[in-house]
N, C-alpha and C. Protein backbone atom coordinates (compact mmCIF):
# COMPACT_ATOMS: atom_id res chain seq x y z
N UNK A 1 7.96 17.47 15.48
CA UNK A 1 7.40 16.77 14.73
C UNK A 1 6.88 15.89 13.90
N UNK A 2 6.72 17.34 12.85
CA UNK A 2 6.61 17.36 11.19
C UNK A 2 7.31 16.26 10.47
N UNK A 3 8.08 17.13 10.92
CA UNK A 3 9.84 16.27 10.25
C UNK A 3 9.76 14.26 10.07
N UNK A 4 9.71 14.43 11.32
CA UNK A 4 9.58 12.53 11.64
C UNK A 4 8.24 11.81 11.62
N UNK A 5 7.13 13.23 11.24
CA UNK A 5 6.35 12.47 10.39
C UNK A 5 6.45 12.13 8.69
N UNK A 6 7.10 13.39 7.99
CA UNK A 6 7.35 13.67 6.28
C UNK A 6 8.48 12.00 7.15
N UNK A 7 9.30 11.73 7.14
CA UNK A 7 10.63 10.78 7.16
C UNK A 7 9.35 9.39 6.95
N UNK A 8 8.73 9.19 8.87
CA UNK A 8 7.41 8.65 8.24
C UNK A 8 6.27 8.01 7.38
N UNK A 9 6.36 8.80 6.75
CA UNK A 9 5.31 8.93 5.65
C UNK A 9 6.73 8.22 4.09
N UNK A 10 7.40 8.93 4.37
CA UNK A 10 8.20 8.38 3.56
C UNK A 10 8.35 6.86 3.12
N UNK A 11 8.95 6.41 4.22
CA UNK A 11 9.11 5.46 4.56
C UNK A 11 7.95 4.28 4.41
N UNK A 12 7.03 4.90 4.62
CA UNK A 12 5.85 4.03 4.31
C UNK A 12 5.74 4.05 2.99
N UNK A 13 5.92 5.16 1.95
CA UNK A 13 5.48 4.91 0.85
C UNK A 13 6.66 4.23 -0.22
N UNK A 14 7.86 4.15 0.69
CA UNK A 14 8.92 3.60 -0.25
C UNK A 14 8.82 2.39 0.07
N UNK A 15 8.68 1.04 1.25
CA UNK A 15 7.88 0.34 1.47
C UNK A 15 6.52 -0.25 0.50
N UNK A 16 5.76 0.14 0.38
CA UNK A 16 4.65 -0.62 -0.22
C UNK A 16 5.43 -0.41 -2.22
N UNK A 17 6.00 0.52 -2.45
CA UNK A 17 6.95 0.79 -3.38
C UNK A 17 7.75 -0.89 -3.80
N UNK A 18 8.99 -0.69 -2.85
CA UNK A 18 9.90 -2.02 -2.71
C UNK A 18 8.93 -3.14 -3.05
N UNK A 19 6.94 -3.55 -2.14
CA UNK A 19 7.12 -4.34 -2.31
C UNK A 19 6.88 -5.17 -3.68
N UNK A 20 5.88 -4.08 -4.24
CA UNK A 20 5.35 -4.03 -5.58
C UNK A 20 6.37 -4.51 -6.33
N UNK A 21 7.70 -3.87 -6.37
CA UNK A 21 8.81 -4.01 -7.60
C UNK A 21 9.69 -4.76 -6.60
N UNK A 22 11.09 -4.64 -7.66
CA UNK A 22 12.04 -4.57 -7.11
C UNK A 22 13.10 -3.68 -6.70
N UNK A 23 14.14 -3.50 -5.53
CA UNK A 23 14.70 -2.18 -5.71
C UNK A 23 14.90 -1.37 -6.42
N UNK A 24 16.09 -1.95 -7.67
CA UNK A 24 16.35 -1.43 -8.77
C UNK A 24 15.66 -0.57 -9.68
N UNK A 25 14.32 -1.98 -9.32
CA UNK A 25 13.22 -0.66 -10.36
C UNK A 25 12.10 0.56 -9.68
N UNK A 26 12.76 0.41 -8.60
CA UNK A 26 11.73 1.98 -7.52
C UNK A 26 12.66 2.84 -8.15
N UNK A 27 12.39 3.84 -8.26
CA UNK A 27 13.09 5.21 -8.15
C UNK A 27 12.51 6.01 -7.40
N UNK A 28 13.77 6.65 -7.40
CA UNK A 28 13.54 8.35 -5.82
C UNK A 28 12.16 9.17 -6.21
N UNK A 29 12.26 8.89 -7.14
CA UNK A 29 10.62 10.09 -8.29
C UNK A 29 9.86 9.71 -7.85
N UNK A 30 9.23 7.89 -7.63
CA UNK A 30 8.18 7.21 -7.63
C UNK A 30 7.79 7.39 -6.43
N UNK A 31 8.49 7.49 -5.30
CA UNK A 31 8.70 7.35 -3.94
C UNK A 31 8.72 8.63 -3.30
N UNK A 32 8.97 10.15 -4.36
CA UNK A 32 8.79 11.25 -2.92
C UNK A 32 7.36 11.46 -3.83
N UNK A 33 7.16 11.01 -5.53
CA UNK A 33 5.48 11.31 -5.40
C UNK A 33 4.74 10.62 -5.12
N UNK A 34 4.79 9.24 -4.55
CA UNK A 34 3.41 8.55 -3.33
C UNK A 34 3.40 9.02 -1.53
N UNK A 35 5.07 9.42 -1.56
CA UNK A 35 4.92 10.81 -0.61
C UNK A 35 4.51 11.63 -0.41
N UNK A 36 3.97 12.51 -1.58
CA UNK A 36 3.71 13.91 -1.30
C UNK A 36 4.81 14.81 -2.22
N UNK A 37 5.92 14.66 -2.03
CA UNK A 37 7.09 14.99 -1.60
C UNK A 37 7.85 15.58 -2.86
N UNK A 38 8.06 16.60 -2.86
CA UNK A 38 9.50 17.29 -4.01
C UNK A 38 10.06 16.15 -3.92
N UNK A 39 11.54 15.71 -4.94
CA UNK A 39 12.35 15.26 -5.05
C UNK A 39 13.47 15.44 -3.86
N UNK A 40 13.86 16.86 -3.89
CA UNK A 40 14.63 17.83 -2.86
C UNK A 40 14.32 17.59 -2.18
N UNK A 41 13.04 17.38 -1.61
CA UNK A 41 11.88 16.93 0.01
C UNK A 41 12.88 15.48 0.13
N UNK A 42 12.38 14.67 -0.68
CA UNK A 42 12.72 13.66 -0.25
C UNK A 42 14.73 12.96 0.01
N UNK A 43 15.23 14.09 -0.77
CA UNK A 43 15.99 14.20 -0.93
C UNK A 43 16.86 14.76 0.97
N UNK A 44 16.33 15.68 1.34
CA UNK A 44 16.39 16.38 2.79
C UNK A 44 16.31 15.21 3.29
N UNK A 45 15.55 14.41 3.53
CA UNK A 45 15.40 13.13 4.50
C UNK A 45 16.05 11.82 4.95
N UNK A 46 16.42 11.69 3.11
CA UNK A 46 17.66 10.48 3.21
C UNK A 46 18.92 10.54 1.69
N UNK A 47 19.79 11.46 1.97
CA UNK A 47 20.22 11.67 0.52
C UNK A 47 20.79 10.18 -0.49
N UNK A 48 20.20 9.23 -0.44
CA UNK A 48 20.03 8.17 -1.25
C UNK A 48 19.03 7.25 -1.01
N UNK A 49 18.72 6.64 -2.66
CA UNK A 49 17.64 5.37 -2.92
C UNK A 49 18.48 4.09 -1.13
N UNK A 50 19.19 4.32 -2.19
CA UNK A 50 20.39 2.72 -0.96
C UNK A 50 19.91 2.97 0.58
N UNK A 51 20.31 4.06 1.16
CA UNK A 51 20.29 4.76 2.67
C UNK A 51 18.23 4.66 2.58
N UNK A 52 17.61 4.51 1.97
CA UNK A 52 15.77 5.21 2.47
C UNK A 52 15.64 3.30 2.67
N UNK A 53 16.46 2.85 2.12
CA UNK A 53 15.60 1.19 1.28
C UNK A 53 16.21 0.61 2.42
N UNK A 54 17.85 0.88 3.28
CA UNK A 54 18.00 0.63 4.51
C UNK A 54 17.07 0.32 5.34
N UNK A 55 17.05 2.25 5.38
CA UNK A 55 16.03 2.54 6.66
C UNK A 55 14.75 1.66 7.23
N UNK A 56 13.97 1.13 5.26
CA UNK A 56 13.17 1.04 5.19
C UNK A 56 13.09 -1.24 6.27
N UNK A 57 14.50 -1.61 5.78
CA UNK A 57 14.71 -3.41 6.48
C UNK A 57 14.71 -3.23 7.58
N UNK A 58 15.82 -2.43 7.85
CA UNK A 58 15.87 -2.00 8.80
C UNK A 58 14.75 -2.12 10.15
N UNK A 59 14.90 -1.33 9.46
CA UNK A 59 13.21 -1.01 10.33
C UNK A 59 12.02 -2.52 10.81
N UNK A 60 11.61 -2.66 9.59
CA UNK A 60 10.65 -4.09 9.64
C UNK A 60 11.34 -5.10 10.54
N UNK A 61 12.68 -5.74 9.95
CA UNK A 61 13.17 -6.42 11.01
C UNK A 61 13.26 -6.01 12.10
N UNK A 62 13.34 -4.54 12.53
CA UNK A 62 13.05 -4.22 14.08
C UNK A 62 12.03 -4.80 14.60
N UNK A 63 10.66 -3.89 13.77
CA UNK A 63 9.02 -4.50 14.53
C UNK A 63 9.39 -5.53 14.38
N UNK A 64 10.01 -7.02 13.28
CA UNK A 64 9.80 -8.60 13.52
C UNK A 64 10.69 -8.99 14.75
N UNK A 65 11.89 -8.35 15.12
CA UNK A 65 12.56 -8.87 16.55
C UNK A 65 11.14 -8.15 17.83
N UNK A 66 11.05 -6.57 18.06
CA UNK A 66 9.62 -6.88 19.13
C UNK A 66 9.05 -7.18 18.95
N UNK A 67 8.13 -7.67 17.86
CA UNK A 67 7.15 -8.43 17.59
C UNK A 67 7.19 -9.81 18.46
N UNK A 68 8.95 -10.66 17.87
CA UNK A 68 8.95 -11.60 18.93
C UNK A 68 9.50 -11.64 19.93
N UNK A 69 9.70 -10.81 20.46
CA UNK A 69 10.20 -10.27 22.24
C UNK A 69 8.58 -10.49 23.24
N UNK A 70 7.94 -10.09 22.40
CA UNK A 70 6.42 -9.97 23.11
C UNK A 70 5.64 -11.31 22.55
N UNK A 71 5.82 -11.68 21.95
CA UNK A 71 5.03 -13.56 22.02
C UNK A 71 6.18 -14.36 22.67
N UNK A 72 6.95 -14.06 23.12
CA UNK A 72 7.96 -15.13 24.14
C UNK A 72 7.62 -14.99 25.45
N UNK A 73 7.41 -13.74 26.00
CA UNK A 73 6.83 -13.20 26.91
C UNK A 73 5.76 -14.53 27.74
N UNK A 74 6.64 -14.59 29.03
CA UNK A 74 5.52 -16.22 29.77
C UNK A 74 6.03 -17.24 28.74
N UNK A 75 6.31 -17.29 28.71
CA UNK A 75 7.34 -19.13 27.77
C UNK A 75 7.63 -19.96 28.55
N UNK A 76 7.86 -20.78 28.79
CA UNK A 76 9.03 -21.88 29.19
C UNK A 76 10.17 -21.85 28.00
N UNK A 77 11.22 -22.66 28.32
CA UNK A 77 12.31 -22.56 27.48
C UNK A 77 12.02 -23.12 26.49
N UNK A 78 11.77 -24.21 26.56
CA UNK A 78 11.66 -25.26 25.13
C UNK A 78 10.31 -24.30 24.09
N UNK A 79 9.55 -23.19 25.08
CA UNK A 79 8.16 -22.89 23.70
C UNK A 79 9.01 -21.93 23.34
N UNK A 80 9.66 -20.71 23.96
CA UNK A 80 10.59 -19.76 23.58
C UNK A 80 11.44 -20.44 22.14
N UNK A 81 12.54 -21.23 22.09
CA UNK A 81 12.54 -21.31 20.98
C UNK A 81 11.89 -22.11 19.90
N UNK A 82 11.02 -22.86 20.04
CA UNK A 82 9.87 -22.73 18.95
C UNK A 82 9.49 -22.12 18.07
N UNK A 83 8.95 -20.76 19.65
CA UNK A 83 8.62 -19.50 18.83
C UNK A 83 9.75 -18.70 17.90
N UNK A 84 10.88 -18.88 18.14
CA UNK A 84 11.43 -18.40 17.94
C UNK A 84 11.90 -19.28 16.52
N UNK A 85 11.83 -20.20 16.40
CA UNK A 85 12.41 -20.93 14.89
C UNK A 85 11.33 -21.00 14.03
N UNK A 86 9.77 -20.59 13.88
CA UNK A 86 8.57 -20.82 13.95
C UNK A 86 8.42 -18.87 13.13
N UNK A 87 9.48 -17.91 13.69
CA UNK A 87 8.98 -17.03 13.57
C UNK A 87 10.20 -16.62 12.79
N UNK A 88 10.74 -17.55 12.70
CA UNK A 88 11.94 -17.21 11.48
C UNK A 88 11.55 -17.35 10.23
N UNK A 89 11.05 -18.97 10.06
CA UNK A 89 10.63 -19.62 9.31
C UNK A 89 9.40 -18.50 8.87
N UNK A 90 8.59 -18.08 9.43
CA UNK A 90 7.02 -17.37 8.88
C UNK A 90 8.09 -16.09 7.99
N UNK A 91 9.52 -15.47 8.82
CA UNK A 91 10.14 -14.69 7.97
C UNK A 91 10.35 -14.55 5.95
N UNK A 92 10.54 -16.21 6.71
CA UNK A 92 11.19 -17.08 4.80
C UNK A 92 10.26 -17.31 4.09
N UNK A 93 9.39 -17.64 4.50
CA UNK A 93 7.76 -17.99 3.28
C UNK A 93 6.75 -17.67 3.60
N UNK A 94 6.30 -16.40 4.56
CA UNK A 94 5.37 -15.29 4.21
C UNK A 94 5.77 -14.13 3.15
N UNK A 95 6.73 -13.84 3.71
CA UNK A 95 7.45 -12.90 2.48
C UNK A 95 8.67 -12.68 1.98
N UNK A 96 7.92 -13.26 0.60
CA UNK A 96 9.16 -13.14 -0.65
C UNK A 96 9.88 -12.34 -0.90
N UNK A 97 9.26 -11.26 -0.85
CA UNK A 97 9.26 -10.10 -1.78
C UNK A 97 10.48 -9.09 -0.11
N UNK A 98 9.95 -9.49 0.49
CA UNK A 98 10.44 -9.03 2.04
C UNK A 98 12.26 -9.65 1.58
N UNK A 99 12.16 -11.22 1.29
CA UNK A 99 13.51 -12.24 1.24
C UNK A 99 13.81 -10.89 -0.33
N UNK A 100 13.42 -11.05 -0.99
CA UNK A 100 14.15 -10.97 -2.48
C UNK A 100 14.75 -9.27 -2.43
N UNK A 101 13.98 -8.14 -1.36
CA UNK A 101 14.36 -7.54 -0.73
C UNK A 101 15.93 -7.20 -0.48
N UNK A 102 15.62 -7.80 0.48
CA UNK A 102 17.10 -7.88 1.92
C UNK A 102 17.92 -8.51 0.73
N UNK A 103 17.20 -9.71 -0.07
CA UNK A 103 19.33 -9.98 -0.50
C UNK A 103 19.26 -8.78 -1.54
N UNK A 104 18.99 -8.48 -2.36
CA UNK A 104 18.63 -7.14 -3.20
C UNK A 104 19.57 -5.62 -2.29
N UNK A 105 19.20 -5.81 -1.43
CA UNK A 105 19.72 -4.94 -0.52
C UNK A 105 21.08 -5.14 -0.05
N UNK A 106 21.74 -6.45 0.76
CA UNK A 106 22.33 -6.73 0.97
C UNK A 106 23.76 -6.62 -1.03
N UNK A 107 23.41 -6.81 -1.78
CA UNK A 107 24.01 -6.76 -2.21
C UNK A 107 24.54 -5.53 -3.02
N UNK A 108 23.21 -4.57 -3.13
CA UNK A 108 23.41 -3.38 -2.91
C UNK A 108 24.84 -2.70 -2.21
N UNK A 109 25.14 -3.58 -0.93
CA UNK A 109 25.70 -2.49 -0.55
C UNK A 109 27.21 -2.76 -0.36
N UNK A 110 27.06 -4.30 -0.31
CA UNK A 110 27.80 -4.75 -1.29
C UNK A 110 28.63 -4.38 -2.56
N UNK A 111 27.66 -3.53 -3.35
CA UNK A 111 28.91 -2.64 -4.86
C UNK A 111 29.06 -1.58 -3.61
N UNK A 112 28.29 -1.37 -3.02
CA UNK A 112 28.61 0.23 -2.98
C UNK A 112 29.93 -0.21 -1.93
N UNK A 113 30.16 -1.06 -1.08
CA UNK A 113 30.99 -0.94 -0.23
C UNK A 113 30.77 -0.07 1.17
N UNK A 114 29.49 -1.03 1.94
CA UNK A 114 28.55 -0.11 2.81
C UNK A 114 28.61 -1.06 3.78
N UNK A 115 29.21 -2.38 3.15
CA UNK A 115 28.77 -3.47 5.17
C UNK A 115 28.97 -2.98 5.90
N UNK A 116 29.27 -2.10 6.44
CA UNK A 116 29.11 -2.14 7.67
C UNK A 116 28.09 -1.00 8.26
N UNK A 117 27.43 -0.60 7.26
CA UNK A 117 26.02 -0.39 7.81
C UNK A 117 25.20 -1.29 8.33
N UNK A 118 25.65 -2.95 8.21
CA UNK A 118 25.02 -3.99 8.37
C UNK A 118 25.48 -4.04 9.53
N UNK A 119 26.02 -3.60 10.61
CA UNK A 119 26.94 -4.28 11.89
C UNK A 119 26.09 -4.13 12.75
N UNK A 120 25.52 -2.83 13.06
CA UNK A 120 24.86 -2.34 14.41
C UNK A 120 23.38 -3.23 13.94
N UNK A 121 22.84 -3.10 13.32
CA UNK A 121 21.72 -4.21 12.53
C UNK A 121 22.10 -6.34 13.46
N UNK A 122 22.97 -6.01 12.40
CA UNK A 122 23.43 -7.66 13.31
C UNK A 122 23.79 -7.64 14.48
N UNK A 123 24.20 -6.44 14.87
CA UNK A 123 24.69 -6.57 16.80
C UNK A 123 23.16 -6.59 18.18
N UNK A 124 21.82 -5.65 17.27
CA UNK A 124 21.06 -6.12 17.53
C UNK A 124 20.74 -7.65 17.66
N UNK A 125 20.32 -7.96 16.22
CA UNK A 125 19.98 -9.41 16.35
C UNK A 125 21.09 -10.13 16.67
N UNK A 126 21.66 -10.42 16.48
CA UNK A 126 22.21 -11.25 17.98
C UNK A 126 22.48 -11.40 18.65
N UNK A 127 22.41 -10.31 19.27
CA UNK A 127 22.09 -9.75 20.71
C UNK A 127 20.87 -10.31 20.90
N UNK A 128 19.43 -9.91 20.89
CA UNK A 128 18.28 -10.93 20.94
C UNK A 128 18.43 -12.01 20.73
N UNK A 129 18.41 -12.86 19.39
CA UNK A 129 18.53 -13.63 19.54
C UNK A 129 19.59 -14.53 20.15
N UNK A 130 20.20 -14.23 21.00
CA UNK A 130 21.46 -15.37 21.94
C UNK A 130 20.44 -15.10 22.80
N UNK A 131 20.27 -13.68 22.91
CA UNK A 131 19.16 -13.90 24.71
C UNK A 131 17.87 -15.02 24.20
N UNK A 132 17.68 -14.90 23.50
CA UNK A 132 16.21 -16.06 23.73
C UNK A 132 17.26 -17.16 23.46
N UNK A 133 17.66 -17.52 22.81
CA UNK A 133 18.34 -18.85 23.27
C UNK A 133 18.81 -19.11 24.04
N UNK A 134 19.03 -18.74 25.05
CA UNK A 134 20.04 -18.51 26.09
C UNK A 134 19.04 -18.59 28.23
N UNK A 135 17.42 -18.27 27.28
CA UNK A 135 16.61 -17.93 28.01
C UNK A 135 15.80 -19.16 27.77
N UNK A 136 16.76 -20.19 26.75
CA UNK A 136 16.10 -21.26 26.33
C UNK A 136 16.75 -22.34 26.74
N UNK A 137 18.03 -22.15 27.66
CA UNK A 137 18.94 -23.13 27.46
C UNK A 137 19.98 -23.27 26.39
N UNK A 138 19.65 -23.15 25.67
CA UNK A 138 21.11 -23.67 24.31
C UNK A 138 22.37 -23.30 25.05
N UNK A 139 23.25 -24.19 24.84
CA UNK A 139 24.74 -23.79 24.88
C UNK A 139 24.60 -22.85 23.50
N UNK A 140 26.29 -22.51 23.90
CA UNK A 140 26.99 -21.11 23.15
C UNK A 140 25.30 -20.93 22.12
N UNK A 141 25.08 -19.73 23.06
CA UNK A 141 23.62 -18.71 22.14
C UNK A 141 24.55 -17.49 21.17
N UNK A 142 25.45 -17.53 21.91
CA UNK A 142 25.90 -17.31 20.25
C UNK A 142 26.16 -17.15 19.33
N UNK A 143 27.04 -18.11 19.42
CA UNK A 143 27.18 -19.44 18.33
C UNK A 143 25.76 -19.19 17.32
N UNK A 144 24.59 -20.09 18.01
CA UNK A 144 23.95 -21.03 17.09
C UNK A 144 23.06 -19.37 16.83
N UNK A 145 23.16 -18.21 18.01
CA UNK A 145 22.47 -17.05 17.58
C UNK A 145 22.87 -16.78 15.83
N UNK A 146 24.27 -16.91 15.76
CA UNK A 146 24.64 -16.70 14.50
C UNK A 146 24.21 -17.89 13.04
N UNK A 147 24.76 -19.17 14.00
CA UNK A 147 24.56 -20.26 13.20
C UNK A 147 22.58 -20.66 12.68
N UNK A 148 21.93 -19.50 13.20
CA UNK A 148 20.48 -19.52 12.96
C UNK A 148 19.99 -18.76 11.66
N UNK A 149 20.85 -17.07 11.75
CA UNK A 149 21.15 -16.39 11.05
C UNK A 149 21.33 -16.57 10.21
N UNK A 150 22.61 -17.68 9.62
CA UNK A 150 23.52 -17.88 8.75
C UNK A 150 22.09 -18.96 8.04
N UNK A 151 21.34 -20.09 9.09
CA UNK A 151 20.27 -21.05 7.80
C UNK A 151 19.00 -20.40 7.28
N UNK A 152 18.77 -18.42 8.42
CA UNK A 152 17.69 -18.06 8.08
C UNK A 152 18.15 -17.31 6.27
N UNK A 153 19.17 -16.90 6.20
CA UNK A 153 19.50 -16.15 5.41
C UNK A 153 19.36 -17.57 4.43
N UNK A 154 20.12 -18.28 4.43
CA UNK A 154 21.32 -19.23 3.26
C UNK A 154 19.39 -19.94 2.98
N UNK A 155 18.33 -20.72 3.85
CA UNK A 155 16.90 -21.26 3.47
C UNK A 155 16.25 -20.03 2.57
N UNK A 156 16.04 -18.81 3.32
CA UNK A 156 15.29 -17.43 2.31
C UNK A 156 15.84 -17.47 0.81
N UNK A 157 16.77 -17.52 1.22
CA UNK A 157 17.56 -17.23 -0.32
C UNK A 157 16.86 -18.60 -1.71
N UNK A 158 17.12 -20.47 -0.92
CA UNK A 158 16.27 -20.94 -1.39
C UNK A 158 15.25 -21.11 -1.90
N UNK A 159 14.58 -20.44 -0.60
CA UNK A 159 13.09 -20.86 -1.01
C UNK A 159 12.56 -19.37 -2.03
N UNK A 160 13.34 -19.10 -1.83
CA UNK A 160 12.84 -17.45 -3.44
C UNK A 160 13.28 -18.20 -3.98
N UNK A 161 15.09 -19.35 -4.83
CA UNK A 161 14.82 -19.12 -6.02
C UNK A 161 14.31 -20.34 -6.48
N UNK A 162 13.85 -21.38 -5.34
CA UNK A 162 13.12 -22.28 -5.99
C UNK A 162 11.16 -22.04 -6.26
N UNK A 163 10.80 -21.14 -5.96
CA UNK A 163 9.74 -20.76 -5.80
C UNK A 163 8.68 -21.29 -4.93
N UNK A 164 9.84 -21.43 -3.30
CA UNK A 164 9.35 -22.17 -2.57
C UNK A 164 9.10 -23.93 -2.43
N UNK A 165 9.28 -24.20 -3.74
CA UNK A 165 9.52 -26.11 -3.62
C UNK A 165 10.59 -26.93 -2.96
N UNK A 166 11.83 -26.06 -2.50
CA UNK A 166 13.33 -27.06 -2.23
C UNK A 166 12.61 -27.77 -1.19
N UNK A 167 12.26 -27.10 -0.56
CA UNK A 167 12.04 -27.98 1.15
C UNK A 167 10.58 -27.71 2.10
N UNK A 168 10.44 -28.85 2.82
CA UNK A 168 9.05 -28.79 3.31
C UNK A 168 9.33 -28.42 4.68
N UNK A 169 8.35 -27.09 4.30
CA UNK A 169 8.69 -25.95 5.90
C UNK A 169 9.24 -26.93 6.88
N UNK A 170 7.69 -27.90 7.59
CA UNK A 170 7.85 -27.87 8.55
C UNK A 170 9.21 -29.00 9.24
N UNK A 171 9.84 -29.92 7.19
CA UNK A 171 11.06 -30.71 8.12
C UNK A 171 11.55 -29.55 8.90
N UNK A 172 11.92 -28.89 7.79
CA UNK A 172 13.35 -28.08 7.88
C UNK A 172 13.27 -27.39 9.19
N UNK A 173 11.98 -26.83 9.95
CA UNK A 173 12.08 -26.81 11.21
C UNK A 173 12.26 -26.99 12.17
N UNK A 174 11.44 -28.47 11.38
CA UNK A 174 12.05 -29.43 13.05
C UNK A 174 13.39 -29.50 13.37
N UNK A 175 14.25 -29.59 11.66
CA UNK A 175 15.51 -29.60 12.04
C UNK A 175 16.60 -28.75 12.67
N UNK A 176 15.99 -27.51 11.70
CA UNK A 176 16.63 -26.50 12.23
C UNK A 176 15.65 -26.49 14.35
N UNK A 177 15.06 -26.54 14.98
CA UNK A 177 14.95 -26.99 16.25
C UNK A 177 15.80 -27.94 16.70
N UNK A 178 16.39 -28.68 16.31
CA UNK A 178 17.32 -30.26 16.28
C UNK A 178 18.89 -29.02 16.77
N UNK A 179 18.88 -28.74 15.85
CA UNK A 179 20.44 -27.92 15.81
C UNK A 179 20.32 -26.77 16.60
N UNK A 180 19.38 -26.38 16.80
CA UNK A 180 19.20 -24.97 18.44
C UNK A 180 19.47 -25.96 19.63
N UNK A 181 18.86 -26.80 19.35
CA UNK A 181 18.13 -28.15 21.36
C UNK A 181 19.70 -28.37 21.29
N UNK A 182 20.85 -28.60 20.10
CA UNK A 182 22.00 -29.94 20.54
C UNK A 182 23.32 -28.96 20.63
């Protein structure tokens, strides 16, 4: 149990630091200090900054999926679709630092040739979103789940680069909803 608590404390400390600064500007030494550990203690739990950052990001995204699933209980098909699109846009617009962190970490995985690390997460994401879309009565839910992921990633990037000025959120939500229904 103590190991799990230490690991949780490390992840929370890293999340706080990654929220304040970019991935590249946070050192393992800073994370260890914030978590109340030695650097060696930190490396005992996470062999690299990338491994720790990936755990932080995937934990956040898994929590987002869990919260979304809870929000969908008891809703009609159309309401599920609207809630899914709303939740995706909330992620984009309310968390620019999370979007930046996601993009930095994805770039790092390309640099380190660790893109396979993302397969498990994307499998969970596509499975969950496909299921939501299927329940909502969407045609080709697997393809639409992939399309929604690509739209969200692209819109997050453009929202981040433009400082939120590139598109009107409500208009774009309606357009994405129309695509998901079609």
